Amino acid sequence: MTVAADSVTSLVQSVDWLTIAPPTITAVVALIVLVADLFVPEERKRLLGAVAIAGLVAALITLVPLRKGNRETFCLTTDVGACSYTADHFTLVIQLLVLGGALLTALLSLHETRKQLPAGEFWFLLLSSAAGAALLPASRDLATLVVALEVASLPAFALVGLRRGDRLSSEAALKFFLSSVAATAVMLLGVSFVYATTGTLHLTQIAADLDKVSGQLDTLAKVGVALTLVGFAFKTAAVPFHFWVPDTYVGAPLPVAAYLSVVGKAVGFSGLILVTVIAFPGYANVWGPAIAVLAGLTMTAGNVAALRQSATRAWSAVRLLAWSSVAQAGYLLVPIAAAAYSSDDQIGATVAYALMYAVVNLGAFAVAALVARTHPLNRISDYRGLYATRPLTALAMGFFLLCLAGLPPGIIGLFAKVTVFSSAVDAGLGWLAVVMGINVVIALYYYLQWTAVLFRAPAGAEEGADGVQPVRKRAPAPVTLAIVVTAVVGVVLSGYPQLVLRVAASSLF
């Protein structure tokens, strides 16, 4: 009896609540919003947005005491080195990106939830997705990783189709859902193959056991590794899993499109980094070349498609940002591919680039949301003469576009691109560095073309570019705040690019 009692007791472990605080607080506030929505009268629904923002701020604050990293919980009692939740520097940086992106998305959404979107459902779905996105970079076993991925993804489907009665929104949600479900099914098949060959789900144990796989199971293990990567390739919008992006961004509410472009990508890249660098380092000869080829194809397809966008086509501004995000995903894949040929330290370049991209891309979507108030079709031509009516907004948008292009004064974009380029060269991937250089030149054309439109004279003294007299509506304060915050952070990072370089050079695991 004593032995049995001791064996049961040995399975009980304490939970480090501070370590898991960021995703936990976000999830708890999501439940609070869901329940409060049942009792709050319609005229006071705006309070739900305030609660959601307060919850995201609280989750961000809990990152401060964790800044030293190296905290773990939910570990195996038989192997203290195998844990399901780890708060290292990689986890904290991605959680900062995810929760910060969700907070800016919340600011952009305050105005829309008062008129176009159901407030209770929207805030619950946004917080639920953010909780899953914050959990994913801390996940260190495949079960938790898959659960976190789906918790981040499933609410996103509903967010895309939340505009009731809108055909484009419903179609976008359906395309997003069907593509994602197919990719998840393939990924789960790969996870099952990996588990069959190793007998474990913890990433560190998988890495050790894959080195000892017998010859009979080697093919099954390689297939499992390849199929597991497919699901994360979809989340990153890598070619050929990118076709859902433009239609989804156009059909989704603009704040949701901004959220998908930043937080959705952070989720995909976090998962891809964890399974490749931690779980499958022994199969770097399998995933390394594959990701390198995907990086080249993705950046090329995204830039070529963005280059073909007509300035007068409906929603061309959103479509260009969508294809641009595909191209940026290609750049983000480069250091991951480089890690297969050199060292894990290359991953810092992807994280540094992701931080830059998150700030400036959210800023660009914030400006797009502001312009959409007077030009619902959101064409690139609608931005003509923006400097004449909103000079500060035009300057901010020009800065964001130049950052994405990697040109001064967007120094942070230039340094981020150089960091990614250097990772390819250091890993001996000269051909990929050449492809990236060509694509950067291609991207300059459409970024500079859009920037030039901002400062051109209006189409006519009496009429706007869409044939109607231009009307300047007062910008909602939350949207203005989002533009200001992203612009200030972008300027600060451009003034101190060593902050990003420090992230790129540091060991995140």
Protein backbone atom coordinates (compact mmCIF):
# COMPACT_ATOMS: atom_id res chain seq x y z
CA MET A 1 0.00 0.00 0.00
CA THR A 2 2.82 2.36 0.83
CA VAL A 3 4.57 1.67 -2.46
CA ALA A 4 1.35 2.24 -4.40
CA ALA A 5 0.66 5.49 -2.57
CA ASP A 6 4.19 6.73 -3.22
CA SER A 7 3.93 5.88 -6.92
CA VAL A 8 0.69 7.82 -7.23
CA THR A 9 2.11 10.76 -5.30
CA SER A 10 5.16 10.88 -7.59
CA LEU A 11 2.91 11.68 -10.55
CA VAL A 12 1.60 14.84 -8.91
CA GLN A 13 3.47 18.03 -9.69
CA SER A 14 3.00 21.69 -8.96
CA VAL A 15 2.08 24.17 -11.69
CA ASP A 16 4.15 27.30 -12.19
CA TRP A 17 1.26 29.72 -12.64
CA LEU A 18 3.45 32.71 -13.43
CA THR A 19 5.09 30.82 -16.29
CA ILE A 20 1.76 30.03 -17.94
CA ALA A 21 0.20 33.41 -17.06
CA PRO A 22 0.21 35.08 -20.54
CA PRO A 23 -2.00 32.53 -22.38
CA THR A 24 -3.98 31.73 -19.22
CA ILE A 25 -4.99 35.34 -18.55
CA THR A 26 -5.98 35.79 -22.20
CA ALA A 27 -8.14 32.66 -22.13
CA VAL A 28 -9.79 33.57 -18.81
CA VAL A 29 -10.66 37.07 -20.04
CA ALA A 30 -12.13 35.49 -23.19
CA LEU A 31 -14.48 33.42 -21.01
CA ILE A 32 -15.36 36.51 -18.93
CA VAL A 33 -16.29 38.40 -22.10
CA LEU A 34 -18.38 35.48 -23.34
CA VAL A 35 -20.39 35.30 -20.12
CA ALA A 36 -20.65 39.08 -19.73
CA ASP A 37 -22.07 39.37 -23.24
CA LEU A 38 -25.18 37.54 -22.02
CA PHE A 39 -25.95 40.19 -19.43
CA VAL A 40 -24.56 43.48 -20.77
CA PRO A 41 -27.26 45.55 -22.56
CA GLU A 42 -26.71 46.45 -26.22
CA GLU A 43 -25.95 50.10 -25.56
CA ARG A 44 -23.08 49.13 -23.23
CA LYS A 45 -21.45 46.45 -25.40
CA ARG A 46 -18.47 48.77 -25.90
CA LEU A 47 -17.40 47.89 -22.37
CA LEU A 48 -16.56 44.41 -23.63
CA GLY A 49 -13.87 45.93 -25.84
CA ALA A 50 -12.37 47.72 -22.86
CA VAL A 51 -12.30 44.45 -20.90
CA ALA A 52 -10.63 42.65 -23.81
CA ILE A 53 -7.96 45.34 -24.15
CA ALA A 54 -7.35 45.33 -20.39
CA GLY A 55 -6.89 41.56 -20.51
CA LEU A 56 -4.33 41.76 -23.31
CA VAL A 57 -2.43 44.49 -21.47
CA ALA A 58 -2.40 42.37 -18.30
CA ALA A 59 -1.09 39.38 -20.28
CA LEU A 60 1.68 41.54 -21.73
CA ILE A 61 2.65 42.81 -18.27
CA THR A 62 3.14 39.24 -17.02
CA LEU A 63 5.94 38.83 -19.57
CA VAL A 64 8.11 41.25 -17.56
CA PRO A 65 8.88 38.93 -14.60
CA LEU A 66 9.57 36.12 -17.09
CA ARG A 67 12.17 38.10 -19.07
CA LYS A 68 15.11 35.99 -17.84
CA GLY A 69 13.58 32.93 -19.49
CA ASN A 70 14.43 29.28 -18.76
CA ARG A 71 11.24 28.48 -16.80
CA GLU A 72 9.47 25.17 -17.36
CA THR A 73 6.36 23.42 -16.13
CA PHE A 74 4.28 20.31 -16.90
CA CYS A 75 7.43 18.17 -17.03
CA LEU A 76 7.61 14.38 -16.99
CA THR A 77 8.37 13.02 -13.54
CA THR A 78 10.53 10.33 -15.16
CA ASP A 79 12.49 12.86 -17.24
CA VAL A 80 12.70 16.41 -15.91
CA GLY A 81 14.23 17.51 -19.21
CA ALA A 82 11.04 16.68 -21.13
CA CYS A 83 8.50 19.43 -20.46
CA SER A 84 5.29 20.40 -22.23
CA TYR A 85 5.56 24.14 -21.50
CA THR A 86 8.79 26.16 -21.64
CA ALA A 87 9.12 29.93 -21.25
CA ASP A 88 12.53 30.59 -22.82
CA HIS A 89 13.62 33.70 -24.71
CA PHE A 90 12.11 32.43 -27.96
CA THR A 91 8.75 31.92 -26.26
CA LEU A 92 8.74 35.35 -24.66
CA VAL A 93 9.65 37.22 -27.86
CA ILE A 94 6.93 35.45 -29.85
CA GLN A 95 4.39 35.98 -27.06
CA LEU A 96 5.27 39.68 -27.07
CA LEU A 97 4.70 39.77 -30.82
CA VAL A 98 1.43 37.81 -30.62
CA LEU A 99 -0.14 39.66 -27.70
CA GLY A 100 1.08 43.03 -28.97
CA GLY A 101 -0.40 42.27 -32.39
CA ALA A 102 -3.69 41.21 -30.80
CA LEU A 103 -3.74 44.44 -28.76
CA LEU A 104 -3.28 46.61 -31.85
CA THR A 105 -5.93 44.55 -33.65
CA ALA A 106 -8.28 45.24 -30.72
CA LEU A 107 -7.67 48.98 -31.07
CA LEU A 108 -8.47 48.82 -34.79
CA SER A 109 -11.64 46.84 -34.04
CA LEU A 110 -13.22 49.10 -31.41
CA HIS A 111 -14.99 51.25 -34.02
CA GLU A 112 -16.14 48.30 -36.17
CA THR A 113 -17.61 46.38 -33.23
CA ARG A 114 -19.89 49.33 -32.51
CA LYS A 115 -21.50 49.32 -35.96
CA GLN A 116 -20.64 46.35 -38.18
CA LEU A 117 -19.56 43.38 -36.06
CA PRO A 118 -21.26 41.63 -33.10
CA ALA A 119 -19.16 42.81 -30.16
CA GLY A 120 -19.48 39.84 -27.79
CA GLU A 121 -18.67 37.19 -30.37
CA PHE A 122 -15.84 39.22 -31.86
CA TRP A 123 -13.97 39.85 -28.61
CA PHE A 124 -14.40 36.26 -27.44
CA LEU A 125 -13.06 34.88 -30.72
CA LEU A 126 -10.15 37.33 -30.87
CA LEU A 127 -9.04 36.57 -27.31
CA SER A 128 -9.46 32.82 -27.79
CA SER A 129 -7.30 32.90 -30.90
CA ALA A 130 -4.70 35.07 -29.15
CA ALA A 131 -4.59 32.61 -26.22
CA GLY A 132 -3.83 29.72 -28.58
CA ALA A 133 -1.24 31.81 -30.42
CA ALA A 134 0.46 32.69 -27.11
CA LEU A 135 0.47 29.04 -26.03
CA LEU A 136 2.03 27.71 -29.22
CA PRO A 137 5.62 29.06 -28.91
CA ALA A 138 5.80 27.63 -25.38
CA SER A 139 4.63 24.17 -26.46
CA ARG A 140 7.29 21.49 -26.32
CA ASP A 141 5.30 18.39 -27.23
CA LEU A 142 3.39 17.64 -30.42
CA ALA A 143 0.02 17.22 -28.68
CA THR A 144 0.17 20.65 -27.06
CA LEU A 145 1.51 22.10 -30.30
CA VAL A 146 -1.40 20.79 -32.36
CA VAL A 147 -3.97 21.87 -29.77
CA ALA A 148 -2.46 25.36 -29.58
CA LEU A 149 -2.42 25.61 -33.38
CA GLU A 150 -6.10 24.71 -33.65
CA VAL A 151 -7.11 26.98 -30.75
CA ALA A 152 -5.42 29.82 -32.62
CA SER A 153 -6.93 28.83 -35.99
CA LEU A 154 -10.55 27.82 -35.35
CA PRO A 155 -11.65 31.21 -33.93
CA ALA A 156 -9.86 32.89 -36.85
CA PHE A 157 -12.19 31.12 -39.31
CA ALA A 158 -15.19 32.59 -37.51
CA LEU A 159 -13.59 36.05 -37.33
CA VAL A 160 -13.15 36.08 -41.11
CA GLY A 161 -16.83 35.26 -41.71
CA LEU A 162 -18.26 37.37 -38.88
CA ARG A 163 -19.87 40.01 -41.14
CA ARG A 164 -23.35 38.57 -41.45
CA GLY A 165 -24.95 38.73 -44.85
CA ASP A 166 -21.67 39.58 -46.61
CA ARG A 167 -21.04 37.16 -49.48
CA LEU A 168 -17.33 37.97 -49.71
CA SER A 169 -16.85 37.40 -45.99
CA SER A 170 -18.63 34.04 -46.06
CA GLU A 171 -16.71 32.89 -49.13
CA ALA A 172 -13.39 33.94 -47.59
CA ALA A 173 -14.14 32.06 -44.37
CA LEU A 174 -15.09 28.92 -46.30
CA LYS A 175 -11.88 28.96 -48.38
CA PHE A 176 -9.79 29.58 -45.28
CA PHE A 177 -11.55 26.79 -43.37
CA LEU A 178 -11.37 24.12 -46.09
CA SER A 179 -7.70 24.80 -46.88
CA SER A 180 -6.73 24.80 -43.21
CA VAL A 181 -8.65 21.63 -42.37
CA ALA A 182 -6.98 19.75 -45.24
CA ALA A 183 -3.53 20.93 -44.11
CA THR A 184 -4.27 20.01 -40.48
CA ALA A 185 -5.37 16.52 -41.49
CA VAL A 186 -2.11 15.98 -43.35
CA MET A 187 -0.13 17.33 -40.40
CA LEU A 188 -1.89 15.01 -37.95
CA LEU A 189 -1.07 12.06 -40.19
CA GLY A 190 2.57 13.11 -40.05
CA VAL A 191 2.45 13.46 -36.26
CA SER A 192 1.03 9.94 -35.99
CA PHE A 193 3.91 8.59 -38.13
CA VAL A 194 6.47 10.36 -35.94
CA TYR A 195 4.84 8.97 -32.80
CA ALA A 196 4.77 5.49 -34.31
CA THR A 197 8.52 5.58 -34.96
CA THR A 198 9.61 7.21 -31.68
CA GLY A 199 6.91 6.33 -29.13
CA THR A 200 6.91 9.85 -27.67
CA LEU A 201 5.41 13.27 -28.31
CA HIS A 202 7.92 15.48 -26.45
CA LEU A 203 10.11 17.38 -28.89
CA THR A 204 13.42 16.79 -27.10
CA GLN A 205 12.76 13.06 -26.79
CA ILE A 206 11.70 12.87 -30.45
CA ALA A 207 15.02 14.44 -31.45
CA ALA A 208 16.93 11.80 -29.46
CA ASP A 209 14.82 8.85 -30.60
CA LEU A 210 14.84 9.75 -34.31
CA ASP A 211 18.61 9.25 -34.30
CA LYS A 212 18.04 5.64 -33.22
CA VAL A 213 15.25 4.74 -35.66
CA SER A 214 15.84 1.37 -37.29
CA GLY A 215 16.27 1.07 -41.03
CA GLN A 216 12.81 -0.45 -41.43
CA LEU A 217 11.16 2.63 -39.92
CA ASP A 218 13.44 5.25 -41.45
CA THR A 219 11.16 5.83 -44.45
CA LEU A 220 8.11 6.15 -42.20
CA ALA A 221 9.97 8.68 -40.05
CA LYS A 222 10.97 10.77 -43.08
CA VAL A 223 7.40 10.77 -44.39
CA GLY A 224 6.16 11.79 -40.93
CA VAL A 225 8.62 14.67 -40.78
CA ALA A 226 7.58 15.90 -44.24
CA LEU A 227 3.84 15.66 -43.58
CA THR A 228 4.16 17.41 -40.20
CA LEU A 229 5.78 20.38 -41.90
CA VAL A 230 2.88 20.71 -44.35
CA GLY A 231 0.46 22.04 -41.73
CA PHE A 232 2.86 24.74 -40.63
CA ALA A 233 3.72 25.61 -44.22
CA PHE A 234 0.03 26.38 -44.74
CA LYS A 235 -0.07 28.69 -41.72
CA THR A 236 2.94 30.59 -43.04
CA ALA A 237 1.26 30.97 -46.46
CA ALA A 238 4.20 29.29 -48.18
CA VAL A 239 3.84 28.20 -51.80
CA PRO A 240 1.86 26.13 -52.81
CA PHE A 241 -0.33 26.61 -49.72
CA HIS A 242 -0.86 30.35 -50.28
CA PHE A 243 -3.89 30.61 -52.56
CA TRP A 244 -6.30 31.31 -49.68
CA VAL A 245 -4.49 34.51 -48.65
CA PRO A 246 -5.73 37.27 -51.04
CA ASP A 247 -9.41 36.25 -51.02
CA THR A 248 -9.39 35.75 -47.25
CA TYR A 249 -7.83 39.16 -46.60
CA VAL A 250 -10.29 40.89 -48.92
CA GLY A 251 -13.34 39.15 -47.46
CA ALA A 252 -12.34 39.54 -43.82
CA PRO A 253 -12.87 42.74 -41.83
CA LEU A 254 -9.69 44.80 -42.15
CA PRO A 255 -8.65 44.39 -38.48
CA VAL A 256 -9.00 40.63 -38.88
CA ALA A 257 -6.90 40.70 -42.06
CA ALA A 258 -4.25 42.61 -40.12
CA TYR A 259 -4.43 40.03 -37.34
CA LEU A 260 -4.00 37.11 -39.77
CA SER A 261 -1.09 38.80 -41.55
CA VAL A 262 0.90 39.17 -38.33
CA VAL A 263 -0.34 36.87 -35.56
CA GLY A 264 -1.37 34.10 -37.97
CA LYS A 265 2.11 34.11 -39.46
CA ALA A 266 3.75 34.18 -36.02
CA VAL A 267 1.82 31.03 -35.15
CA GLY A 268 2.91 29.22 -38.30
CA PHE A 269 6.56 30.22 -38.05
CA SER A 270 6.74 29.40 -34.33
CA GLY A 271 5.47 25.90 -34.95
CA LEU A 272 7.72 25.43 -37.95
CA ILE A 273 10.78 26.52 -35.96
CA LEU A 274 9.95 24.26 -33.01
CA VAL A 275 9.46 21.08 -35.02
CA THR A 276 12.45 21.62 -37.30
CA VAL A 277 15.08 22.93 -34.89
CA ILE A 278 14.10 21.08 -31.69
CA ALA A 279 12.27 17.93 -32.80
CA PHE A 280 13.77 17.08 -36.21
CA PRO A 281 17.42 18.29 -36.22
CA GLY A 282 18.55 14.79 -37.25
CA TYR A 283 16.52 15.09 -40.45
CA ALA A 284 17.87 18.49 -41.44
CA ASN A 285 18.91 16.95 -44.76
CA VAL A 286 15.18 16.37 -45.43
CA TRP A 287 13.57 19.63 -44.32
CA GLY A 288 16.50 21.98 -45.00
CA PRO A 289 16.48 21.80 -48.82
CA ALA A 290 12.67 21.66 -48.88
CA ILE A 291 12.29 24.87 -46.86
CA ALA A 292 15.01 26.58 -48.93
CA VAL A 293 13.11 25.82 -52.13
CA LEU A 294 9.82 26.90 -50.52
CA ALA A 295 11.43 30.19 -49.45
CA GLY A 296 12.56 30.97 -53.00
CA LEU A 297 9.22 30.03 -54.56
CA THR A 298 7.19 31.88 -51.92
CA MET A 299 8.98 35.21 -52.16
CA THR A 300 8.93 35.05 -55.95
CA ALA A 301 5.24 34.16 -56.24
CA GLY A 302 4.23 36.83 -53.73
CA ASN A 303 6.23 39.63 -55.34
CA VAL A 304 5.19 38.78 -58.91
CA ALA A 305 1.51 38.69 -57.92
CA ALA A 306 1.83 41.97 -55.99
CA LEU A 307 3.52 43.53 -59.00
CA ARG A 308 0.48 42.72 -61.17
CA GLN A 309 -2.10 44.46 -58.99
CA SER A 310 -3.97 47.22 -60.81
CA ALA A 311 -4.26 50.50 -58.91
CA THR A 312 -7.90 50.95 -59.99
CA ARG A 313 -9.09 47.42 -59.16
CA ALA A 314 -11.48 47.10 -56.22
CA TRP A 315 -9.68 46.20 -52.98
CA SER A 316 -6.32 46.38 -54.77
CA ALA A 317 -4.69 47.94 -51.69
CA VAL A 318 -5.67 44.97 -49.52
CA ARG A 319 -4.72 42.50 -52.25
CA LEU A 320 -1.30 44.08 -52.58
CA LEU A 321 -0.75 43.85 -48.83
CA ALA A 322 -1.91 40.21 -48.99
CA TRP A 323 0.53 39.25 -51.74
CA SER A 324 3.21 41.30 -50.04
CA SER A 325 2.67 39.22 -46.89
CA VAL A 326 3.22 36.06 -48.96
CA ALA A 327 6.51 37.49 -50.23
CA GLN A 328 7.53 38.46 -46.69
CA ALA A 329 6.82 34.87 -45.62
CA GLY A 330 9.44 33.78 -48.13
CA TYR A 331 12.03 36.04 -46.50
CA LEU A 332 11.07 34.69 -43.06
CA LEU A 333 11.67 31.11 -44.25
CA VAL A 334 15.27 31.81 -45.28
CA PRO A 335 16.89 31.69 -41.80
CA ILE A 336 14.93 28.53 -40.95
CA ALA A 337 16.38 26.85 -44.02
CA ALA A 338 19.81 28.22 -43.09
CA ALA A 339 19.54 26.59 -39.65
CA ALA A 340 19.66 23.18 -41.34
CA TYR A 341 23.08 23.96 -42.79
CA SER A 342 24.76 25.92 -40.00
CA SER A 343 23.37 26.42 -36.46
CA ASP A 344 20.18 27.13 -34.51
CA ASP A 345 21.37 30.71 -33.95
CA GLN A 346 20.14 31.53 -37.46
CA ILE A 347 16.58 31.38 -36.06
CA GLY A 348 17.20 34.76 -34.42
CA ALA A 349 17.16 36.35 -37.88
CA THR A 350 13.63 35.06 -38.52
CA VAL A 351 12.42 36.36 -35.14
CA ALA A 352 14.07 39.75 -35.68
CA TYR A 353 12.51 40.07 -39.14
CA ALA A 354 9.12 39.00 -37.78
CA LEU A 355 9.22 41.78 -35.16
CA MET A 356 9.94 44.42 -37.81
CA TYR A 357 7.30 43.05 -40.16
CA ALA A 358 4.65 42.87 -37.42
CA VAL A 359 5.04 46.53 -36.46
CA VAL A 360 5.04 48.06 -39.94
CA ASN A 361 2.45 45.72 -41.47
CA LEU A 362 -0.03 46.41 -38.66
CA GLY A 363 0.60 50.11 -39.24
CA ALA A 364 -0.11 49.76 -42.97
CA PHE A 365 -3.38 47.94 -42.25
CA ALA A 366 -4.31 50.64 -39.73
CA VAL A 367 -3.94 53.29 -42.44
CA ALA A 368 -5.92 51.07 -44.83
CA ALA A 369 -8.71 50.84 -42.25
CA LEU A 370 -8.75 54.63 -41.98
CA VAL A 371 -8.89 55.15 -45.75
CA ALA A 372 -11.65 52.53 -46.06
CA ARG A 373 -13.98 54.79 -44.07
CA THR A 374 -14.21 57.20 -47.04
CA HIS A 375 -13.28 54.76 -49.84
CA PRO A 376 -14.90 51.38 -49.09
CA LEU A 377 -13.43 49.74 -52.22
CA ASN A 378 -9.93 50.47 -50.89
CA ARG A 379 -8.14 50.82 -54.22
CA ILE A 380 -4.54 51.97 -54.43
CA SER A 381 -5.77 54.91 -56.51
CA ASP A 382 -7.90 55.98 -53.53
CA TYR A 383 -4.68 56.87 -51.71
CA ARG A 384 -3.81 59.50 -54.29
CA GLY A 385 -3.46 62.88 -52.64
CA LEU A 386 -3.65 61.46 -49.12
CA TYR A 387 -0.88 63.86 -48.12
CA ALA A 388 -3.09 66.80 -49.09
CA THR A 389 -5.91 65.74 -46.75
CA ARG A 390 -4.09 63.78 -44.01
CA PRO A 391 -0.38 64.68 -44.16
CA LEU A 392 0.66 62.83 -40.99
CA THR A 393 -1.21 59.68 -42.03
CA ALA A 394 0.41 59.82 -45.48
CA LEU A 395 3.86 60.22 -43.93
CA ALA A 396 3.22 57.26 -41.65
CA MET A 397 2.02 55.10 -44.55
CA GLY A 398 5.03 56.10 -46.64
CA PHE A 399 7.30 55.13 -43.75
CA PHE A 400 5.60 51.74 -43.37
CA LEU A 401 5.93 50.98 -47.09
CA LEU A 402 9.59 52.01 -47.15
CA CYS A 403 10.25 49.76 -44.15
CA LEU A 404 8.68 46.83 -45.98
CA ALA A 405 10.79 47.68 -49.02
CA GLY A 406 13.95 47.99 -46.91
CA LEU A 407 14.74 51.59 -47.87
CA PRO A 408 15.70 54.62 -45.75
CA PRO A 409 14.29 56.16 -43.65
CA GLY A 410 12.91 52.72 -42.83
CA ILE A 411 16.30 51.62 -41.50
CA ILE A 412 14.77 48.81 -39.50
CA GLY A 413 13.49 47.16 -42.69
CA LEU A 414 16.91 47.46 -44.30
CA PHE A 415 18.72 45.95 -41.31
CA ALA A 416 16.20 43.11 -41.04
CA LYS A 417 16.65 42.22 -44.71
CA VAL A 418 20.44 42.36 -44.40
CA THR A 419 20.24 40.04 -41.38
CA VAL A 420 18.16 37.50 -43.31
CA PHE A 421 20.43 37.83 -46.36
CA SER A 422 23.50 37.23 -44.18
CA SER A 423 21.98 34.08 -42.70
CA ALA A 424 21.64 32.58 -46.20
CA VAL A 425 25.22 33.52 -47.14
CA ASP A 426 26.67 32.20 -43.86
CA ALA A 427 24.88 28.88 -44.40
CA GLY A 428 26.30 28.50 -47.89
CA LEU A 429 22.95 29.09 -49.59
CA GLY A 430 24.34 31.51 -52.15
CA TRP A 431 21.65 30.72 -54.71
CA LEU A 432 18.91 31.56 -52.21
CA ALA A 433 20.63 34.86 -51.35
CA VAL A 434 20.66 35.72 -55.08
CA VAL A 435 16.94 34.88 -55.39
CA MET A 436 16.21 37.04 -52.37
CA GLY A 437 18.21 39.94 -53.82
CA ILE A 438 16.27 39.79 -57.08
CA ASN A 439 12.97 39.70 -55.22
CA VAL A 440 13.89 42.69 -53.06
CA VAL A 441 14.48 44.68 -56.27
CA ILE A 442 11.12 43.53 -57.68
CA ALA A 443 9.34 44.57 -54.50
CA LEU A 444 10.88 48.04 -54.65
CA TYR A 445 8.77 48.83 -57.70
CA TYR A 446 5.32 48.31 -56.21
CA TYR A 447 6.22 49.69 -52.77
CA LEU A 448 7.68 52.88 -54.28
CA GLN A 449 4.80 53.17 -56.72
CA TRP A 450 2.27 53.13 -53.87
CA THR A 451 4.40 55.55 -51.87
CA ALA A 452 4.48 57.98 -54.79
CA VAL A 453 0.68 57.86 -55.07
CA LEU A 454 0.38 59.18 -51.52
CA PHE A 455 2.11 62.44 -52.42
CA ARG A 456 0.61 63.11 -55.83
CA ALA A 457 -1.86 65.93 -56.31
CA PRO A 458 -5.50 64.85 -55.93
CA ALA A 459 -7.21 63.64 -59.11
CA GLY A 460 -9.17 66.89 -59.40
CA ALA A 461 -9.86 70.06 -57.52
CA GLU A 462 -13.52 69.14 -57.06
CA GLU A 463 -13.59 65.36 -57.34
CA GLY A 464 -11.73 62.52 -55.74
CA ALA A 465 -10.15 59.58 -57.51
CA ASP A 466 -13.39 57.60 -57.37
CA GLY A 467 -15.47 60.30 -59.06
CA VAL A 468 -17.16 61.67 -55.97
CA GLN A 469 -16.37 64.72 -53.91
CA PRO A 470 -13.83 63.75 -51.24
CA VAL A 471 -15.18 63.73 -47.74
CA ARG A 472 -12.86 63.83 -44.75
CA LYS A 473 -14.32 62.02 -41.81
CA ARG A 474 -12.86 62.39 -38.38
CA ALA A 475 -10.54 59.49 -37.68
CA PRO A 476 -11.62 57.25 -34.77
CA ALA A 477 -9.30 57.74 -31.81
CA PRO A 478 -8.39 54.01 -31.46
CA VAL A 479 -7.37 53.79 -35.15
CA THR A 480 -5.31 56.96 -34.80
CA LEU A 481 -3.66 55.52 -31.68
CA ALA A 482 -2.79 52.31 -33.54
CA ILE A 483 -1.16 54.31 -36.35
CA VAL A 484 0.76 56.46 -33.89
CA VAL A 485 1.98 53.49 -31.82
CA THR A 486 3.20 51.51 -34.84
CA ALA A 487 4.85 54.59 -36.37
CA VAL A 488 6.62 55.50 -33.11
CA VAL A 489 7.85 51.93 -32.55
CA GLY A 490 9.03 51.77 -36.17
CA VAL A 491 10.91 55.06 -35.86
CA VAL A 492 12.50 54.00 -32.56
CA LEU A 493 13.64 50.69 -34.05
CA SER A 494 15.00 52.53 -37.10
CA GLY A 495 16.95 54.80 -34.76
CA TYR A 496 18.26 51.85 -32.74
CA PRO A 497 18.50 48.92 -35.19
CA GLN A 498 20.96 47.24 -32.81
CA LEU A 499 17.92 46.19 -30.76
CA VAL A 500 16.79 43.97 -33.62
CA LEU A 501 20.33 42.86 -34.38
CA ARG A 502 20.70 41.82 -30.74
CA VAL A 503 17.66 39.57 -31.08
CA ALA A 504 19.03 38.17 -34.32
CA ALA A 505 22.41 37.39 -32.76
CA SER A 506 21.19 35.99 -29.44
CA SER A 507 20.58 32.33 -28.63
CA LEU A 508 16.81 32.04 -28.24
CA PHE A 509 16.67 28.40 -27.12
